[in-house]
Amino acid sequence: MKRTRRLAVLALLIAPPLALGPAVAAHASAPAAAKCSVEVDSAGKYHVWGQGFPAGTTVTYSGSSTGSVPIDTSGRFDLGGLTGSTYTVKTADGKTTVTCAEVRH
C-alpha cells in the first residue's frame, strides 16, 4: 500500500512539468523578430545580413540587386559584394518582409 501511495504522489509531482514541457519548449524556441542591416565594406561594396528568420528556409532580397539566399539553422543569412544601400528581404511564405537599413559606424 505504501508503494502505491508513493507512486501516486510521484506521478502527481512529475506529470505537471511533463505536461508543460512542450508548451514551454515551443515558447522558448520562438524565433526572434526578423531584422537585417546593410553595411558598406572598405571596397565600397555593400554587405547585407539578417537574423531571426525561419531556419532552413529561403528569403528573397530586392534593391539594387535581387536574388534569394538560404537561411541557416540559426535563422541567419549573409550576403556580400552588393551595390546599393537599401534592400527589402521577404520570406518565401510572404509572412515576413523587412526593410534593411544601412548601418553607419
PDB file of N, CA and C in Angstrom:
ATOM      1  N   MET A   1       0.814  -1.193   0.000  1.00  0.00           N
ATOM      2  CA  MET A   1       0.000   0.000   0.000  1.00  0.00           C
ATOM      3  C   MET A   1       0.859   1.259   0.000  1.00  0.00           C
ATOM      4  N   LYS A   2       1.935   1.250   0.798  1.00  0.00           N
ATOM      5  CA  LYS A   2       2.806   2.423   0.829  1.00  0.00           C
ATOM      6  C   LYS A   2       3.425   2.681  -0.539  1.00  0.00           C
ATOM      7  N   ARG A   3       3.787   1.618  -1.229  1.00  0.00           N
ATOM      8  CA  ARG A   3       4.400   1.767  -2.545  1.00  0.00           C
ATOM      9  C   ARG A   3       3.427   2.409  -3.524  1.00  0.00           C
ATOM     10  N   THR A   4       2.170   2.011  -3.470  1.00  0.00           N
ATOM     11  CA  THR A   4       1.157   2.573  -4.356  1.00  0.00           C
ATOM     12  C   THR A   4       0.987   4.064  -4.085  1.00  0.00           C
ATOM     13  N   ARG A   5       0.970   4.438  -2.825  1.00  0.00           N
ATOM     14  CA  ARG A   5       0.838   5.862  -2.478  1.00  0.00           C
ATOM     15  C   ARG A   5       2.044   6.654  -2.965  1.00  0.00           C
ATOM     16  N   ARG A   6       3.235   6.084  -2.773  1.00  0.00           N
ATOM     17  CA  ARG A   6       4.437   6.777  -3.226  1.00  0.00           C
ATOM     18  C   ARG A   6       4.420   6.978  -4.740  1.00  0.00           C
ATOM     19  N   LEU A   7       4.009   5.960  -5.464  1.00  0.00           N
ATOM     20  CA  LEU A   7       3.931   6.086  -6.921  1.00  0.00           C
ATOM     21  C   LEU A   7       2.891   7.131  -7.331  1.00  0.00           C
ATOM     22  N   ALA A   8       1.769   7.169  -6.615  1.00  0.00           N
ATOM     23  CA  ALA A   8       0.733   8.154  -6.933  1.00  0.00           C
ATOM     24  C   ALA A   8       1.246   9.573  -6.684  1.00  0.00           C
ATOM     25  N   VAL A   9       1.941   9.768  -5.563  1.00  0.00           N
ATOM     26  CA  VAL A   9       2.499  11.083  -5.250  1.00  0.00           C
ATOM     27  C   VAL A   9       3.565  11.460  -6.269  1.00  0.00           C
ATOM     28  N   LEU A  10       4.407  10.506  -6.614  1.00  0.00           N
ATOM     29  CA  LEU A  10       5.444  10.755  -7.609  1.00  0.00           C
ATOM     30  C   LEU A  10       4.833  11.135  -8.959  1.00  0.00           C
ATOM     31  N   ALA A  11       3.773  10.445  -9.336  1.00  0.00           N
ATOM     32  CA  ALA A  11       3.097  10.754 -10.601  1.00  0.00           C
ATOM     33  C   ALA A  11       2.533  12.167 -10.578  1.00  0.00           C
ATOM     34  N   LEU A  12       1.979  12.580  -9.446  1.00  0.00           N
ATOM     35  CA  LEU A  12       1.438  13.938  -9.335  1.00  0.00           C
ATOM     36  C   LEU A  12       2.536  14.998  -9.407  1.00  0.00           C
ATOM     37  N   LEU A  13       3.723  14.667  -8.919  1.00  0.00           N
ATOM     38  CA  LEU A  13       4.826  15.617  -8.960  1.00  0.00           C
ATOM     39  C   LEU A  13       5.453  15.709 -10.342  1.00  0.00           C
ATOM     40  N   ILE A  14       5.467  14.621 -11.073  1.00  0.00           N
ATOM     41  CA  ILE A  14       6.132  14.584 -12.382  1.00  0.00           C
ATOM     42  C   ILE A  14       5.212  15.013 -13.517  1.00  0.00           C
ATOM     43  N   ALA A  15       3.944  14.674 -13.442  1.00  0.00           N
ATOM     44  CA  ALA A  15       3.023  14.928 -14.549  1.00  0.00           C
ATOM     45  C   ALA A  15       2.906  16.404 -14.937  1.00  0.00           C
ATOM     46  N   PRO A  16       2.737  17.353 -13.987  1.00  0.00           N
ATOM     47  CA  PRO A  16       2.592  18.759 -14.413  1.00  0.00           C
ATOM     48  C   PRO A  16       3.788  19.298 -15.203  1.00  0.00           C
ATOM     49  N   PRO A  17       5.042  19.062 -14.768  1.00  0.00           N
ATOM     50  CA  PRO A  17       6.148  19.561 -15.583  1.00  0.00           C
ATOM     51  C   PRO A  17       6.209  18.912 -16.967  1.00  0.00           C
ATOM     52  N   LEU A  18       5.848  17.640 -17.038  1.00  0.00           N
ATOM     53  CA  LEU A  18       5.841  16.977 -18.341  1.00  0.00           C
ATOM     54  C   LEU A  18       4.777  17.565 -19.244  1.00  0.00           C
ATOM     55  N   ALA A  19       3.630  17.896 -18.669  1.00  0.00           N
ATOM     56  CA  ALA A  19       2.550  18.488 -19.465  1.00  0.00           C
ATOM     57  C   ALA A  19       2.933  19.881 -19.946  1.00  0.00           C
ATOM     58  N   LEU A  20       3.673  20.627 -19.151  1.00  0.00           N
ATOM     59  CA  LEU A  20       4.107  21.970 -19.540  1.00  0.00           C
ATOM     60  C   LEU A  20       5.289  21.948 -20.491  1.00  0.00           C
ATOM     61  N   GLY A  21       6.027  20.877 -20.494  1.00  0.00           N
ATOM     62  CA  GLY A  21       7.253  20.789 -21.290  1.00  0.00           C
ATOM     63  C   GLY A  21       7.115  21.259 -22.719  1.00  0.00           C
ATOM     64  N   PRO A  22       6.206  20.662 -23.531  1.00  0.00           N
ATOM     65  CA  PRO A  22       6.098  21.101 -24.926  1.00  0.00           C
ATOM     66  C   PRO A  22       5.698  22.555 -25.072  1.00  0.00           C
ATOM     67  N   ALA A  23       4.798  23.035 -24.222  1.00  0.00           N
ATOM     68  CA  ALA A  23       4.375  24.437 -24.318  1.00  0.00           C
ATOM     69  C   ALA A  23       5.525  25.371 -23.994  1.00  0.00           C
ATOM     70  N   VAL A  24       6.268  25.050 -22.957  1.00  0.00           N
ATOM     71  CA  VAL A  24       7.408  25.876 -22.578  1.00  0.00           C
ATOM     72  C   VAL A  24       8.479  25.797 -23.649  1.00  0.00           C
ATOM     73  N   ALA A  25       8.722  24.606 -24.179  1.00  0.00           N
ATOM     74  CA  ALA A  25       9.727  24.445 -25.229  1.00  0.00           C
ATOM     75  C   ALA A  25       9.340  25.218 -26.480  1.00  0.00           C
ATOM     76  N   ALA A  26       8.072  25.198 -26.842  1.00  0.00           N
ATOM     77  CA  ALA A  26       7.625  25.933 -28.026  1.00  0.00           C
ATOM     78  C   ALA A  26       7.813  27.428 -27.824  1.00  0.00           C
ATOM     79  N   HIS A  27       7.525  27.908 -26.629  1.00  0.00           N
ATOM     80  CA  HIS A  27       7.699  29.326 -26.347  1.00  0.00           C
ATOM     81  C   HIS A  27       9.177  29.705 -26.348  1.00  0.00           C
ATOM     82  N   ALA A  28      10.010  28.866 -25.779  1.00  0.00           N
ATOM     83  CA  ALA A  28      11.434  29.160 -25.692  1.00  0.00           C
ATOM     84  C   ALA A  28      12.094  29.159 -27.064  1.00  0.00           C
ATOM     85  N   SER A  29      11.560  28.373 -27.997  1.00  0.00           N
ATOM     86  CA  SER A  29      12.186  28.294 -29.309  1.00  0.00           C
ATOM     87  C   SER A  29      11.544  29.241 -30.328  1.00  0.00           C
ATOM     88  N   ALA A  30      10.648  30.083 -29.893  1.00  0.00           N
ATOM     89  CA  ALA A  30      10.026  31.037 -30.804  1.00  0.00           C
ATOM     90  C   ALA A  30      11.104  31.930 -31.403  1.00  0.00           C
ATOM     91  N   PRO A  31      11.054  32.145 -32.710  1.00  0.00           N
ATOM     92  CA  PRO A  31      12.101  32.947 -33.332  1.00  0.00           C
ATOM     93  C   PRO A  31      12.060  34.405 -32.894  1.00  0.00           C
ATOM     94  N   ALA A  32      13.221  34.995 -32.857  1.00  0.00           N
ATOM     95  CA  ALA A  32      13.309  36.416 -32.562  1.00  0.00           C
ATOM     96  C   ALA A  32      12.723  37.180 -33.745  1.00  0.00           C
ATOM     97  N   ALA A  33      12.385  38.425 -33.527  1.00  0.00           N
ATOM     98  CA  ALA A  33      11.863  39.237 -34.617  1.00  0.00           C
ATOM     99  C   ALA A  33      12.919  39.351 -35.709  1.00  0.00           C
ATOM    100  N   ALA A  34      12.506  39.139 -36.933  1.00  0.00           N
ATOM    101  CA  ALA A  34      13.433  39.207 -38.058  1.00  0.00           C
ATOM    102  C   ALA A  34      13.919  40.634 -38.245  1.00  0.00           C
ATOM    103  N   LYS A  35      15.207  40.771 -38.500  1.00  0.00           N
ATOM    104  CA  LYS A  35      15.777  42.090 -38.774  1.00  0.00           C
ATOM    105  C   LYS A  35      16.968  41.910 -39.701  1.00  0.00           C
ATOM    106  N   CYS A  36      17.338  42.971 -40.365  1.00  0.00           N
ATOM    107  CA  CYS A  36      18.505  42.932 -41.245  1.00  0.00           C
ATOM    108  C   CYS A  36      19.162  44.300 -41.280  1.00  0.00           C
ATOM    109  N   SER A  37      20.400  44.306 -41.720  1.00  0.00           N
ATOM    110  CA  SER A  37      21.177  45.544 -41.816  1.00  0.00           C
ATOM    111  C   SER A  37      22.028  45.518 -43.072  1.00  0.00           C
ATOM    112  N   VAL A  38      22.440  46.696 -43.490  1.00  0.00           N
ATOM    113  CA  VAL A  38      23.324  46.862 -44.639  1.00  0.00           C
ATOM    114  C   VAL A  38      24.551  47.629 -44.160  1.00  0.00           C
ATOM    115  N   GLU A  39      25.724  47.133 -44.512  1.00  0.00           N
ATOM    116  CA  GLU A  39      26.970  47.816 -44.170  1.00  0.00           C
ATOM    117  C   GLU A  39      27.813  47.947 -45.433  1.00  0.00           C
ATOM    118  N   VAL A  40      28.586  49.000 -45.518  1.00  0.00           N
ATOM    119  CA  VAL A  40      29.479  49.183 -46.653  1.00  0.00           C
ATOM    120  C   VAL A  40      30.875  48.721 -46.228  1.00  0.00           C
ATOM    121  N   ASP A  41      31.537  47.959 -47.121  1.00  0.00           N
ATOM    122  CA  ASP A  41      32.882  47.480 -46.780  1.00  0.00           C
ATOM    123  C   ASP A  41      33.939  48.447 -47.298  1.00  0.00           C
ATOM    124  N   SER A  42      35.189  48.137 -47.047  1.00  0.00           N
ATOM    125  CA  SER A  42      36.283  49.042 -47.415  1.00  0.00           C
ATOM    126  C   SER A  42      36.439  49.204 -48.925  1.00  0.00           C
ATOM    127  N   ALA A  43      35.912  48.266 -49.704  1.00  0.00           N
ATOM    128  CA  ALA A  43      35.991  48.348 -51.169  1.00  0.00           C
ATOM    129  C   ALA A  43      34.798  49.097 -51.760  1.00  0.00           C
ATOM    130  N   GLY A  44      33.900  49.584 -50.901  1.00  0.00           N
ATOM    131  CA  GLY A  44      32.739  50.321 -51.389  1.00  0.00           C
ATOM    132  C   GLY A  44      31.568  49.431 -51.775  1.00  0.00           C
ATOM    133  N   LYS A  45      31.651  48.143 -51.529  1.00  0.00           N
ATOM    134  CA  LYS A  45      30.554  47.212 -51.812  1.00  0.00           C
ATOM    135  C   LYS A  45      29.692  47.082 -50.553  1.00  0.00           C
ATOM    136  N   TYR A  46      28.448  46.683 -50.743  1.00  0.00           N
ATOM    137  CA  TYR A  46      27.528  46.570 -49.620  1.00  0.00           C
ATOM    138  C   TYR A  46      27.377  45.119 -49.169  1.00  0.00           C
ATOM    139  N   HIS A  47      27.194  44.985 -47.896  1.00  0.00           N
ATOM    140  CA  HIS A  47      27.080  43.703 -47.218  1.00  0.00           C
ATOM    141  C   HIS A  47      25.717  43.705 -46.508  1.00  0.00           C
ATOM    142  N   VAL A  48      24.854  42.749 -46.838  1.00  0.00           N
ATOM    143  CA  VAL A  48      23.525  42.652 -46.228  1.00  0.00           C
ATOM    144  C   VAL A  48      23.480  41.385 -45.390  1.00  0.00           C
ATOM    145  N   TRP A  49      23.046  41.517 -44.155  1.00  0.00           N
ATOM    146  CA  TRP A  49      22.924  40.351 -43.286  1.00  0.00           C
ATOM    147  C   TRP A  49      21.635  40.456 -42.486  1.00  0.00           C
ATOM    148  N   GLY A  50      21.130  39.313 -42.060  1.00  0.00           N
ATOM    149  CA  GLY A  50      19.894  39.312 -41.281  1.00  0.00           C
ATOM    150  C   GLY A  50      19.861  38.172 -40.292  1.00  0.00           C
ATOM    151  N   GLN A  51      18.968  38.289 -39.342  1.00  0.00           N
ATOM    152  CA  GLN A  51      18.790  37.241 -38.332  1.00  0.00           C
ATOM    153  C   GLN A  51      17.341  37.222 -37.877  1.00  0.00           C
ATOM    154  N   GLY A  52      16.936  36.100 -37.260  1.00  0.00           N
ATOM    155  CA  GLY A  52      15.567  35.970 -36.767  1.00  0.00           C
ATOM    156  C   GLY A  52      14.588  35.444 -37.790  1.00  0.00           C
ATOM    157  N   PHE A  53      15.091  34.916 -38.904  1.00  0.00           N
ATOM    158  CA  PHE A  53      14.241  34.351 -39.941  1.00  0.00           C
ATOM    159  C   PHE A  53      14.025  32.861 -39.676  1.00  0.00           C
ATOM    160  N   PRO A  54      12.981  32.257 -40.250  1.00  0.00           N
ATOM    161  CA  PRO A  54      12.744  30.823 -40.038  1.00  0.00           C
ATOM    162  C   PRO A  54      13.915  29.994 -40.579  1.00  0.00           C
ATOM    163  N   ALA A  55      14.525  29.208 -39.705  1.00  0.00           N
ATOM    164  CA  ALA A  55      15.691  28.399 -40.077  1.00  0.00           C
ATOM    165  C   ALA A  55      15.352  27.410 -41.181  1.00  0.00           C
ATOM    166  N   GLY A  56      16.325  27.203 -42.063  1.00  0.00           N
ATOM    167  CA  GLY A  56      16.177  26.225 -43.125  1.00  0.00           C
ATOM    168  C   GLY A  56      15.279  26.648 -44.273  1.00  0.00           C
ATOM    169  N   THR A  57      14.886  27.919 -44.322  1.00  0.00           N
ATOM    170  CA  THR A  57      14.040  28.403 -45.412  1.00  0.00           C
ATOM    171  C   THR A  57      14.879  29.268 -46.343  1.00  0.00           C
ATOM    172  N   THR A  58      14.234  29.945 -47.242  1.00  0.00           N
ATOM    173  CA  THR A  58      14.905  30.852 -48.175  1.00  0.00           C
ATOM    174  C   THR A  58      14.196  32.193 -48.135  1.00  0.00           C
ATOM    175  N   VAL A  59      14.965  33.256 -48.251  1.00  0.00           N
ATOM    176  CA  VAL A  59      14.374  34.585 -48.386  1.00  0.00           C
ATOM    177  C   VAL A  59      14.816  35.176 -49.718  1.00  0.00           C
ATOM    178  N   THR A  60      13.991  36.065 -50.238  1.00  0.00           N
ATOM    179  CA  THR A  60      14.368  36.812 -51.435  1.00  0.00           C
ATOM    180  C   THR A  60      14.750  38.214 -50.994  1.00  0.00           C
ATOM    181  N   TYR A  61      15.682  38.795 -51.712  1.00  0.00           N
ATOM    182  CA  TYR A  61      16.077  40.167 -51.423  1.00  0.00           C
ATOM    183  C   TYR A  61      15.939  40.978 -52.699  1.00  0.00           C
ATOM    184  N   SER A  62      15.612  42.249 -52.527  1.00  0.00           N
ATOM    185  CA  SER A  62      15.485  43.132 -53.679  1.00  0.00           C
ATOM    186  C   SER A  62      15.975  44.513 -53.284  1.00  0.00           C
ATOM    187  N   GLY A  63      16.507  45.182 -54.256  1.00  0.00           N
ATOM    188  CA  GLY A  63      17.077  46.517 -54.094  1.00  0.00           C
ATOM    189  C   GLY A  63      17.832  46.782 -55.374  1.00  0.00           C
ATOM    190  N   SER A  64      19.079  47.230 -55.289  1.00  0.00           N
ATOM    191  CA  SER A  64      19.906  47.411 -56.486  1.00  0.00           C
ATOM    192  C   SER A  64      20.224  46.073 -57.125  1.00  0.00           C
ATOM    193  N   SER A  65      20.239  45.016 -56.322  1.00  0.00           N
ATOM    194  CA  SER A  65      20.421  43.642 -56.785  1.00  0.00           C
ATOM    195  C   SER A  65      19.252  42.828 -56.264  1.00  0.00           C
ATOM    196  N   THR A  66      18.938  41.746 -56.932  1.00  0.00           N
ATOM    197  CA  THR A  66      17.867  40.867 -56.463  1.00  0.00           C
ATOM    198  C   THR A  66      18.351  39.430 -56.482  1.00  0.00           C
ATOM    199  N   GLY A  67      17.685  38.604 -55.708  1.00  0.00           N
ATOM    200  CA  GLY A  67      18.024  37.187 -55.679  1.00  0.00           C
ATOM    201  C   GLY A  67      17.409  36.529 -54.464  1.00  0.00           C
ATOM    202  N   SER A  68      17.895  35.345 -54.169  1.00  0.00           N
ATOM    203  CA  SER A  68      17.431  34.648 -52.982  1.00  0.00           C
ATOM    204  C   SER A  68      18.637  34.048 -52.270  1.00  0.00           C
ATOM    205  N   VAL A  69      18.455  33.783 -50.997  1.00  0.00           N
ATOM    206  CA  VAL A  69      19.549  33.266 -50.181  1.00  0.00           C
ATOM    207  C   VAL A  69      18.948  32.329 -49.132  1.00  0.00           C
ATOM    208  N   PRO A  70      19.632  31.205 -48.858  1.00  0.00           N
ATOM    209  CA  PRO A  70      19.125  30.295 -47.826  1.00  0.00           C
ATOM    210  C   PRO A  70      19.369  30.851 -46.425  1.00  0.00           C
ATOM    211  N   ILE A  71      18.483  30.500 -45.527  1.00  0.00           N
ATOM    212  CA  ILE A  71      18.622  30.852 -44.112  1.00  0.00           C
ATOM    213  C   ILE A  71      19.265  29.663 -43.415  1.00  0.00           C
ATOM    214  N   ASP A  72      20.287  29.917 -42.613  1.00  0.00           N
ATOM    215  CA  ASP A  72      20.971  28.806 -41.937  1.00  0.00           C
ATOM    216  C   ASP A  72      20.158  28.304 -40.740  1.00  0.00           C
ATOM    217  N   THR A  73      20.690  27.318 -40.047  1.00  0.00           N
ATOM    218  CA  THR A  73      19.977  26.710 -38.927  1.00  0.00           C
ATOM    219  C   THR A  73      19.816  27.647 -37.732  1.00  0.00           C
ATOM    220  N   SER A  74      20.538  28.757 -37.733  1.00  0.00           N
ATOM    221  CA  SER A  74      20.406  29.756 -36.662  1.00  0.00           C
ATOM    222  C   SER A  74      19.452  30.883 -37.038  1.00  0.00           C
ATOM    223  N   GLY A  75      18.848  30.813 -38.240  1.00  0.00           N
ATOM    224  CA  GLY A  75      17.923  31.855 -38.683  1.00  0.00           C
ATOM    225  C   GLY A  75      18.610  33.066 -39.277  1.00  0.00           C
ATOM    226  N   ARG A  76      19.846  32.868 -39.785  1.00  0.00           N
ATOM    227  CA  ARG A  76      20.636  33.997 -40.303  1.00  0.00           C
ATOM    228  C   ARG A  76      20.967  33.831 -41.787  1.00  0.00           C
ATOM    229  N   PHE A  77      21.244  34.961 -42.414  1.00  0.00           N
ATOM    230  CA  PHE A  77      21.797  34.963 -43.772  1.00  0.00           C
ATOM    231  C   PHE A  77      22.845  36.059 -43.855  1.00  0.00           C
ATOM    232  N   ASP A  78      23.691  35.974 -44.878  1.00  0.00           N
ATOM    233  CA  ASP A  78      24.784  36.920 -45.045  1.00  0.00           C
ATOM    234  C   ASP A  78      25.116  37.019 -46.529  1.00  0.00           C
ATOM    235  N   LEU A  79      25.082  38.224 -47.081  1.00  0.00           N
ATOM    236  CA  LEU A  79      25.400  38.473 -48.491  1.00  0.00           C
ATOM    237  C   LEU A  79      26.439  39.573 -48.580  1.00  0.00           C
ATOM    238  N   GLY A  80      27.366  39.431 -49.492  1.00  0.00           N
ATOM    239  CA  GLY A  80      28.379  40.458 -49.674  1.00  0.00           C
ATOM    240  C   GLY A  80      28.550  40.806 -51.134  1.00  0.00           C
ATOM    241  N   GLY A  81      29.304  41.869 -51.396  1.00  0.00           N
ATOM    242  CA  GLY A  81      29.620  42.269 -52.761  1.00  0.00           C
ATOM    243  C   GLY A  81      28.464  42.882 -53.526  1.00  0.00           C
ATOM    244  N   LEU A  82      27.503  43.458 -52.835  1.00  0.00           N
ATOM    245  CA  LEU A  82      26.329  44.024 -53.488  1.00  0.00           C
ATOM    246  C   LEU A  82      26.515  45.513 -53.755  1.00  0.00           C
ATOM    247  N   THR A  83      25.648  46.064 -54.603  1.00  0.00           N
ATOM    248  CA  THR A  83      25.628  47.506 -54.845  1.00  0.00           C
ATOM    249  C   THR A  83      24.361  48.061 -54.231  1.00  0.00           C
ATOM    250  N   GLY A  84      24.388  49.291 -53.825  1.00  0.00           N
ATOM    251  CA  GLY A  84      23.199  49.920 -53.248  1.00  0.00           C
ATOM    252  C   GLY A  84      23.075  49.669 -51.761  1.00  0.00           C
ATOM    253  N   SER A  85      22.431  50.608 -51.082  1.00  0.00           N
ATOM    254  CA  SER A  85      22.374  50.548 -49.628  1.00  0.00           C
ATOM    255  C   SER A  85      20.988  50.282 -49.063  1.00  0.00           C
ATOM    256  N   THR A  86      19.999  50.044 -49.909  1.00  0.00           N
ATOM    257  CA  THR A  86      18.651  49.779 -49.428  1.00  0.00           C
ATOM    258  C   THR A  86      18.152  48.469 -50.012  1.00  0.00           C
ATOM    259  N   TYR A  87      17.734  47.565 -49.127  1.00  0.00           N
ATOM    260  CA  TYR A  87      17.236  46.257 -49.548  1.00  0.00           C
ATOM    261  C   TYR A  87      15.994  45.887 -48.767  1.00  0.00           C
ATOM    262  N   THR A  88      15.131  45.110 -49.401  1.00  0.00           N
ATOM    263  CA  THR A  88      13.964  44.539 -48.753  1.00  0.00           C
ATOM    264  C   THR A  88      14.131  43.031 -48.808  1.00  0.00           C
ATOM    265  N   VAL A  89      13.899  42.379 -47.678  1.00  0.00           N
ATOM    266  CA  VAL A  89      14.028  40.928 -47.578  1.00  0.00           C
ATOM    267  C   VAL A  89      12.658  40.364 -47.242  1.00  0.00           C
ATOM    268  N   LYS A  90      12.267  39.301 -47.952  1.00  0.00           N
ATOM    269  CA  LYS A  90      10.936  38.718 -47.774  1.00  0.00           C
ATOM    270  C   LYS A  90      11.048  37.205 -47.675  1.00  0.00           C
ATOM    271  N   THR A  91      10.326  36.612 -46.708  1.00  0.00           N
ATOM    272  CA  THR A  91      10.309  35.154 -46.591  1.00  0.00           C
ATOM    273  C   THR A  91       9.488  34.561 -47.730  1.00  0.00           C
ATOM    274  N   ALA A  92       9.763  33.304 -48.047  1.00  0.00           N
ATOM    275  CA  ALA A  92       9.091  32.634 -49.164  1.00  0.00           C
ATOM    276  C   ALA A  92       7.577  32.569 -48.960  1.00  0.00           C
ATOM    277  N   ASP A  93       7.124  32.439 -47.711  1.00  0.00           N
ATOM    278  CA  ASP A  93       5.686  32.365 -47.458  1.00  0.00           C
ATOM    279  C   ASP A  93       5.024  33.744 -47.452  1.00  0.00           C
ATOM    280  N   GLY A  94       5.820  34.801 -47.560  1.00  0.00           N
ATOM    281  CA  GLY A  94       5.288  36.153 -47.611  1.00  0.00           C
ATOM    282  C   GLY A  94       4.839  36.716 -46.275  1.00  0.00           C
ATOM    283  N   LYS A  95       5.050  35.978 -45.193  1.00  0.00           N
ATOM    284  CA  LYS A  95       4.598  36.434 -43.878  1.00  0.00           C
ATOM    285  C   LYS A  95       5.509  37.485 -43.257  1.00  0.00           C
ATOM    286  N   THR A  96       6.760  37.529 -43.680  1.00  0.00           N
ATOM    287  CA  THR A  96       7.706  38.467 -43.089  1.00  0.00           C
ATOM    288  C   THR A  96       8.400  39.262 -44.185  1.00  0.00           C
ATOM    289  N   THR A  97       8.300  40.569 -44.107  1.00  0.00           N
ATOM    290  CA  THR A  97       9.016  41.469 -45.006  1.00  0.00           C
ATOM    291  C   THR A  97       9.744  42.488 -44.135  1.00  0.00           C
ATOM    292  N   VAL A  98      11.037  42.626 -44.381  1.00  0.00           N
ATOM    293  CA  VAL A  98      11.871  43.534 -43.576  1.00  0.00           C
ATOM    294  C   VAL A  98      12.648  44.446 -44.509  1.00  0.00           C
ATOM    295  N   THR A  99      12.663  45.730 -44.203  1.00  0.00           N
ATOM    296  CA  THR A  99      13.491  46.674 -44.946  1.00  0.00           C
ATOM    297  C   THR A  99      14.826  46.795 -44.215  1.00  0.00           C
ATOM    298  N   CYS A 100      15.893  46.599 -44.966  1.00  0.00           N
ATOM    299  CA  CYS A 100      17.238  46.634 -44.394  1.00  0.00           C
ATOM    300  C   CYS A 100      17.788  48.055 -44.507  1.00  0.00           C
ATOM    301  N   ALA A 101      18.189  48.596 -43.391  1.00  0.00           N
ATOM    302  CA  ALA A 101      18.722  49.955 -43.359  1.00  0.00           C
ATOM    303  C   ALA A 101      20.236  49.920 -43.227  1.00  0.00           C
ATOM    304  N   GLU A 102      20.873  50.909 -43.818  1.00  0.00           N
ATOM    305  CA  GLU A 102      22.338  50.991 -43.742  1.00  0.00           C
ATOM    306  C   GLU A 102      22.749  51.373 -42.337  1.00  0.00           C
ATOM    307  N   VAL A 103      23.723  50.624 -41.835  1.00  0.00           N
ATOM    308  CA  VAL A 103      24.286  50.894 -40.516  1.00  0.00           C
ATOM    309  C   VAL A 103      25.559  51.683 -40.720  1.00  0.00           C
ATOM    310  N   ARG A 104      25.683  52.802 -40.055  1.00  0.00           N
ATOM    311  CA  ARG A 104      26.905  53.605 -40.162  1.00  0.00           C
ATOM    312  C   ARG A 104      27.678  53.490 -38.862  1.00  0.00           C
ATOM    313  N   HIS A 105      28.951  53.203 -39.008  1.00  0.00           N
ATOM    314  CA  HIS A 105      29.825  53.030 -37.829  1.00  0.00           C
ATOM    315  C   HIS A 105      30.584  54.287 -37.531  1.00  0.00           C
TER     316      HIS A 105
END
